[in-house]
Amino acid sequence: MLAGLGYEVHAFSGKPQARNKLLSYGAGEVHPRPDVAFTGEPLQDGKWAEAIDPVGGDTLAWLIRTTRPHGSIVTFGHQAAAI
């Protein structure tokens, strides 16, 4: 859907066999799962104008650090831990 609207879509997956499926969904590039470990830098070079994150946790923190100024992130599907 995003590629059809003219966006440049990058997908990340830890499963190499998912590459063709992600490309068929419209991803222009498929990357291996990134190293999302915190490097001590609260903000890094902005790579993304927007992001969609169904994972949360360290992945969401990494997206926040690497999204361009004035970018946006949509996140969903997270369940808060019981306190």
C-alpha atoms as a PDB file:
ATOM      1  CA  MET A   1       0.000   0.000   0.000  1.00  0.00           C
ATOM      2  CA  LEU A   2       2.771   2.453   0.915  1.00  0.00           C
ATOM      3  CA  ALA A   3       4.818   1.637  -2.179  1.00  0.00           C
ATOM      4  CA  GLY A   4       1.689   2.183  -4.261  1.00  0.00           C
ATOM      5  CA  LEU A   5       1.447   5.689  -2.803  1.00  0.00           C
ATOM      6  CA  GLY A   6       5.003   6.425  -3.912  1.00  0.00           C
ATOM      7  CA  TYR A   7       6.873   5.799  -0.663  1.00  0.00           C
ATOM      8  CA  GLU A   8      10.273   4.123  -0.608  1.00  0.00           C
ATOM      9  CA  VAL A   9       9.649   1.059   1.568  1.00  0.00           C
ATOM     10  CA  HIS A  10      12.356  -0.792   3.494  1.00  0.00           C
ATOM     11  CA  ALA A  11      11.487  -3.957   5.404  1.00  0.00           C
ATOM     12  CA  PHE A  12      13.477  -5.715   8.121  1.00  0.00           C
ATOM     13  CA  SER A  13      13.267  -9.399   8.962  1.00  0.00           C
ATOM     14  CA  GLY A  14      15.272 -11.953  10.873  1.00  0.00           C
ATOM     15  CA  LYS A  15      13.986 -14.641   8.510  1.00  0.00           C
ATOM     16  CA  PRO A  16      15.844 -14.831   5.166  1.00  0.00           C
ATOM     17  CA  GLN A  17      12.991 -16.908   3.702  1.00  0.00           C
ATOM     18  CA  ALA A  18      10.621 -13.933   4.211  1.00  0.00           C
ATOM     19  CA  ARG A  19      12.489 -11.808   1.637  1.00  0.00           C
ATOM     20  CA  ASN A  20      10.399 -12.732  -1.423  1.00  0.00           C
ATOM     21  CA  LYS A  21       7.134 -12.330   0.465  1.00  0.00           C
ATOM     22  CA  LEU A  22       8.129  -8.872   1.707  1.00  0.00           C
ATOM     23  CA  LEU A  23       9.170  -7.849  -1.807  1.00  0.00           C
ATOM     24  CA  SER A  24       5.817  -9.073  -3.149  1.00  0.00           C
ATOM     25  CA  TYR A  25       4.079  -6.900  -0.526  1.00  0.00           C
ATOM     26  CA  GLY A  26       5.815  -3.840  -1.978  1.00  0.00           C
ATOM     27  CA  ALA A  27       9.079  -3.492  -0.081  1.00  0.00           C
ATOM     28  CA  GLY A  28      11.728  -1.990  -2.314  1.00  0.00           C
ATOM     29  CA  GLU A  29      14.509  -3.350  -0.120  1.00  0.00           C
ATOM     30  CA  VAL A  30      14.646  -6.066   2.509  1.00  0.00           C
ATOM     31  CA  HIS A  31      17.346  -5.853   5.180  1.00  0.00           C
ATOM     32  CA  PRO A  32      18.436  -8.292   7.878  1.00  0.00           C
ATOM     33  CA  ARG A  33      17.225  -7.448  11.351  1.00  0.00           C
ATOM     34  CA  PRO A  34      19.348  -4.507  12.560  1.00  0.00           C
ATOM     35  CA  ASP A  35      21.430  -4.418  15.725  1.00  0.00           C
ATOM     36  CA  VAL A  36      19.168  -2.310  17.922  1.00  0.00           C
ATOM     37  CA  ALA A  37      21.420  -2.263  20.989  1.00  0.00           C
ATOM     38  CA  PHE A  38      21.711   1.133  22.643  1.00  0.00           C
ATOM     39  CA  THR A  39      25.093   2.660  21.804  1.00  0.00           C
ATOM     40  CA  GLY A  40      24.911   5.507  24.314  1.00  0.00           C
ATOM     41  CA  GLU A  41      23.812   8.026  21.686  1.00  0.00           C
ATOM     42  CA  PRO A  42      20.246   9.196  22.398  1.00  0.00           C
ATOM     43  CA  LEU A  43      19.864  10.345  18.783  1.00  0.00           C
ATOM     44  CA  GLN A  44      21.635   8.913  15.769  1.00  0.00           C
ATOM     45  CA  ASP A  45      21.704   9.884  12.091  1.00  0.00           C
ATOM     46  CA  GLY A  46      18.131  10.193  10.883  1.00  0.00           C
ATOM     47  CA  LYS A  47      17.391   7.453   8.368  1.00  0.00           C
ATOM     48  CA  TRP A  48      13.602   7.220   8.272  1.00  0.00           C
ATOM     49  CA  ALA A  49      10.924   9.801   7.543  1.00  0.00           C
ATOM     50  CA  GLU A  50       8.266   7.449   8.915  1.00  0.00           C
ATOM     51  CA  ALA A  51       8.218   3.964  10.390  1.00  0.00           C
ATOM     52  CA  ILE A  52       5.666   1.281  11.247  1.00  0.00           C
ATOM     53  CA  ASP A  53       6.599  -0.900  14.211  1.00  0.00           C
ATOM     54  CA  PRO A  54       4.639  -3.982  15.329  1.00  0.00           C
ATOM     55  CA  VAL A  55       7.486  -5.182  17.586  1.00  0.00           C
ATOM     56  CA  GLY A  56       8.112  -2.605  20.323  1.00  0.00           C
ATOM     57  CA  GLY A  57      10.784  -2.847  22.988  1.00  0.00           C
ATOM     58  CA  ASP A  58      14.371  -2.298  21.835  1.00  0.00           C
ATOM     59  CA  THR A  59      13.276  -2.115  18.194  1.00  0.00           C
ATOM     60  CA  LEU A  60      10.948   0.790  18.913  1.00  0.00           C
ATOM     61  CA  ALA A  61      13.662   2.568  20.924  1.00  0.00           C
ATOM     62  CA  TRP A  62      16.047   2.139  17.970  1.00  0.00           C
ATOM     63  CA  LEU A  63      13.456   3.540  15.550  1.00  0.00           C
ATOM     64  CA  ILE A  64      12.982   6.579  17.782  1.00  0.00           C
ATOM     65  CA  ARG A  65      16.746   7.188  17.807  1.00  0.00           C
ATOM     66  CA  THR A  66      17.100   6.808  14.023  1.00  0.00           C
ATOM     67  CA  THR A  67      14.007   8.622  12.714  1.00  0.00           C
ATOM     68  CA  ARG A  68      14.577  11.988  11.041  1.00  0.00           C
ATOM     69  CA  PRO A  69      13.519  15.200  12.808  1.00  0.00           C
ATOM     70  CA  HIS A  70       9.764  15.753  12.442  1.00  0.00           C
ATOM     71  CA  GLY A  71       9.350  12.103  11.385  1.00  0.00           C
ATOM     72  CA  SER A  72       6.619   9.870  12.731  1.00  0.00           C
ATOM     73  CA  ILE A  73       6.336   6.305  13.986  1.00  0.00           C
ATOM     74  CA  VAL A  74       3.184   4.208  14.094  1.00  0.00           C
ATOM     75  CA  THR A  75       3.336   1.416  16.641  1.00  0.00           C
ATOM     76  CA  PHE A  76       0.678  -1.128  17.522  1.00  0.00           C
ATOM     77  CA  GLY A  77       0.001  -4.539  18.968  1.00  0.00           C
ATOM     78  CA  HIS A  78       1.882  -4.050  22.221  1.00  0.00           C
ATOM     79  CA  GLN A  79       0.570  -5.328  25.495  1.00  0.00           C
ATOM     80  CA  ALA A  80       1.631  -3.663  28.702  1.00  0.00           C
ATOM     81  CA  ALA A  81       3.159  -5.925  31.313  1.00  0.00           C
ATOM     82  CA  ALA A  82       1.112  -6.474  34.427  1.00  0.00           C
ATOM     83  CA  ILE A  83       2.459  -4.592  37.415  1.00  0.00           C
END
